[in-house]
Amino acid sequence: MTDNGWMKSYYAAWDSADADEICAWFDDDIVVEDVPTGHVAVGAVEARAFVERALELTPGTTYEVVTTIADGDEFAAEWIMRPAGIRGTSIGTLRNGKVATNRDYWSSAREKKEH
C-alpha cells in the first residue's frame, strides 16, 4: 500500500468548487469517466469542461470521503456527496503524482438514515 493522504487534498479541491484547483490535480492526458451517465472526457480541455459543468450542476456540493485505498499508482475512494446524500466511488490511476484516469460510479438513491 502507498500513502493515500493526497486524496484529502484532492477532494478538498472539489469542495472548494475552484476549477483551477481541481484541474491542477489532472495529468495532461487524463481520462475522466462518469459511468452512470456514460460521459467520458479525454484530455485536459475536455476534463476542465467536465469539471466546470459538474460545478455548475451541483453548487454547494462537498464530498464526505468515507474510505480511501491506494496501491502504487492505483486508487479508490468511497464518498458521499453532500448535501444530496448521493453515495459513490471513484477508481483511478496516477501518473507522476497526477490523476491520469478517474471513473466515478454512483447511484442517485439517497443514503439511508440510521434509526
Protein backbone atom coordinates (compact mmCIF):
# COMPACT_ATOMS: atom_id res chain seq x y z
CA MET A 1 0.00 0.00 0.00
CA THR A 2 1.13 3.54 -0.65
CA ASP A 3 0.28 6.81 1.05
CA ASN A 4 -3.22 7.96 0.14
CA GLY A 5 -3.14 11.22 2.11
CA TRP A 6 -3.10 13.12 -1.18
CA MET A 7 -6.76 12.20 -1.66
CA LYS A 8 -7.77 14.51 1.21
CA SER A 9 -6.27 17.41 -0.74
CA TYR A 10 -7.82 16.22 -3.99
CA TYR A 11 -11.34 16.11 -2.51
CA ALA A 12 -10.72 19.40 -0.70
CA ALA A 13 -10.11 20.88 -4.17
CA TRP A 14 -13.53 19.58 -5.26
CA ASP A 15 -15.06 21.01 -2.07
CA SER A 16 -13.57 24.41 -2.94
CA ALA A 17 -15.53 24.49 -6.23
CA ASP A 18 -12.44 26.03 -7.85
CA ALA A 19 -11.95 24.55 -11.34
CA ASP A 20 -8.30 25.66 -11.43
CA GLU A 21 -7.56 23.94 -8.13
CA ILE A 22 -9.32 20.75 -9.23
CA CYS A 23 -7.72 20.64 -12.68
CA ALA A 24 -4.27 21.17 -11.18
CA TRP A 25 -4.58 17.56 -9.99
CA PHE A 26 -5.09 16.25 -13.55
CA ASP A 27 -2.48 14.78 -15.86
CA ASP A 28 -2.50 16.42 -19.32
CA ASP A 29 -3.79 13.17 -20.85
CA ILE A 30 -6.43 12.48 -18.18
CA VAL A 31 -9.48 10.37 -18.92
CA VAL A 32 -12.49 11.13 -16.71
CA GLU A 33 -15.49 8.86 -16.95
CA ASP A 34 -18.85 9.30 -15.24
CA VAL A 35 -20.06 5.73 -15.66
CA PRO A 36 -23.76 6.20 -14.73
CA THR A 37 -24.24 8.96 -17.32
CA GLY A 38 -21.89 7.50 -19.92
CA HIS A 39 -19.94 10.77 -20.14
CA VAL A 40 -16.22 10.49 -20.96
CA ALA A 41 -13.79 13.41 -21.06
CA VAL A 42 -10.38 12.85 -22.65
CA GLY A 43 -7.51 15.29 -22.15
CA ALA A 44 -7.14 18.44 -20.08
CA VAL A 45 -9.53 20.61 -22.13
CA GLU A 46 -12.44 18.15 -22.03
CA ALA A 47 -11.77 17.33 -18.37
CA ARG A 48 -11.91 21.03 -17.46
CA ALA A 49 -15.23 21.39 -19.30
CA PHE A 50 -16.49 18.35 -17.37
CA VAL A 51 -15.40 19.90 -14.06
CA GLU A 52 -16.94 23.27 -14.86
CA ARG A 53 -20.25 21.64 -15.83
CA ALA A 54 -20.26 19.46 -12.70
CA LEU A 55 -19.67 22.52 -10.51
CA GLU A 56 -22.46 24.36 -12.31
CA LEU A 57 -24.92 21.47 -11.87
CA THR A 58 -24.10 20.84 -8.20
CA PRO A 59 -23.46 24.19 -6.48
CA GLY A 60 -22.50 23.95 -2.82
CA THR A 61 -21.60 20.27 -3.05
CA THR A 62 -18.94 18.80 -0.79
CA TYR A 63 -17.61 15.27 -0.54
CA GLU A 64 -17.51 13.29 2.67
CA VAL A 65 -14.73 10.79 1.99
CA VAL A 66 -15.62 7.52 3.74
CA THR A 67 -12.79 5.21 2.67
CA THR A 68 -9.64 5.56 0.56
CA ILE A 69 -7.31 2.91 -0.77
CA ALA A 70 -4.10 3.41 -2.73
CA ASP A 71 -1.73 0.79 -4.08
CA GLY A 72 1.10 2.02 -6.25
CA ASP A 73 -0.46 4.21 -8.92
CA GLU A 74 -3.99 2.84 -8.40
CA PHE A 75 -6.57 4.35 -6.06
CA ALA A 76 -10.16 4.07 -4.93
CA ALA A 77 -12.30 6.34 -2.79
CA GLU A 78 -15.78 5.86 -1.41
CA TRP A 79 -17.63 9.14 -0.87
CA ILE A 80 -20.95 10.72 -0.05
CA MET A 81 -21.94 13.83 -2.00
CA ARG A 82 -23.37 16.38 0.43
CA PRO A 83 -25.96 17.77 0.89
CA ALA A 84 -27.71 15.40 -1.56
CA GLY A 85 -26.55 12.23 0.23
CA ILE A 86 -25.55 10.51 -3.01
CA ARG A 87 -23.12 7.65 -2.42
CA GLY A 88 -20.38 6.90 -4.91
CA THR A 89 -16.96 5.53 -5.61
CA SER A 90 -14.06 6.84 -7.68
CA ILE A 91 -11.49 4.43 -9.08
CA GLY A 92 -8.44 5.55 -10.97
CA THR A 93 -4.76 5.76 -11.62
CA LEU A 94 -1.98 8.27 -11.09
CA ARG A 95 0.84 9.29 -13.40
CA ASN A 96 3.70 11.32 -11.93
CA GLY A 97 1.56 12.24 -8.92
CA LYS A 98 -1.39 13.48 -11.00
CA VAL A 99 -4.74 11.82 -11.69
CA ALA A 100 -4.43 10.04 -15.05
CA THR A 101 -7.74 8.18 -15.03
CA ASN A 102 -10.84 8.58 -12.88
CA ARG A 103 -14.02 6.52 -13.18
CA ASP A 104 -16.95 7.52 -10.99
CA TYR A 105 -19.70 5.08 -10.07
CA TRP A 106 -22.67 6.47 -8.14
CA SER A 107 -26.34 5.95 -7.50
CA SER A 108 -28.99 8.62 -7.32
CA ALA A 109 -30.59 6.65 -4.48
CA ARG A 110 -30.05 8.65 -1.31
CA GLU A 111 -28.25 7.20 1.67
CA LYS A 112 -30.49 5.58 4.25
CA LYS A 113 -30.89 7.31 7.58
CA GLU A 114 -29.99 5.24 10.61
CA HIS A 115 -32.87 4.60 13.01
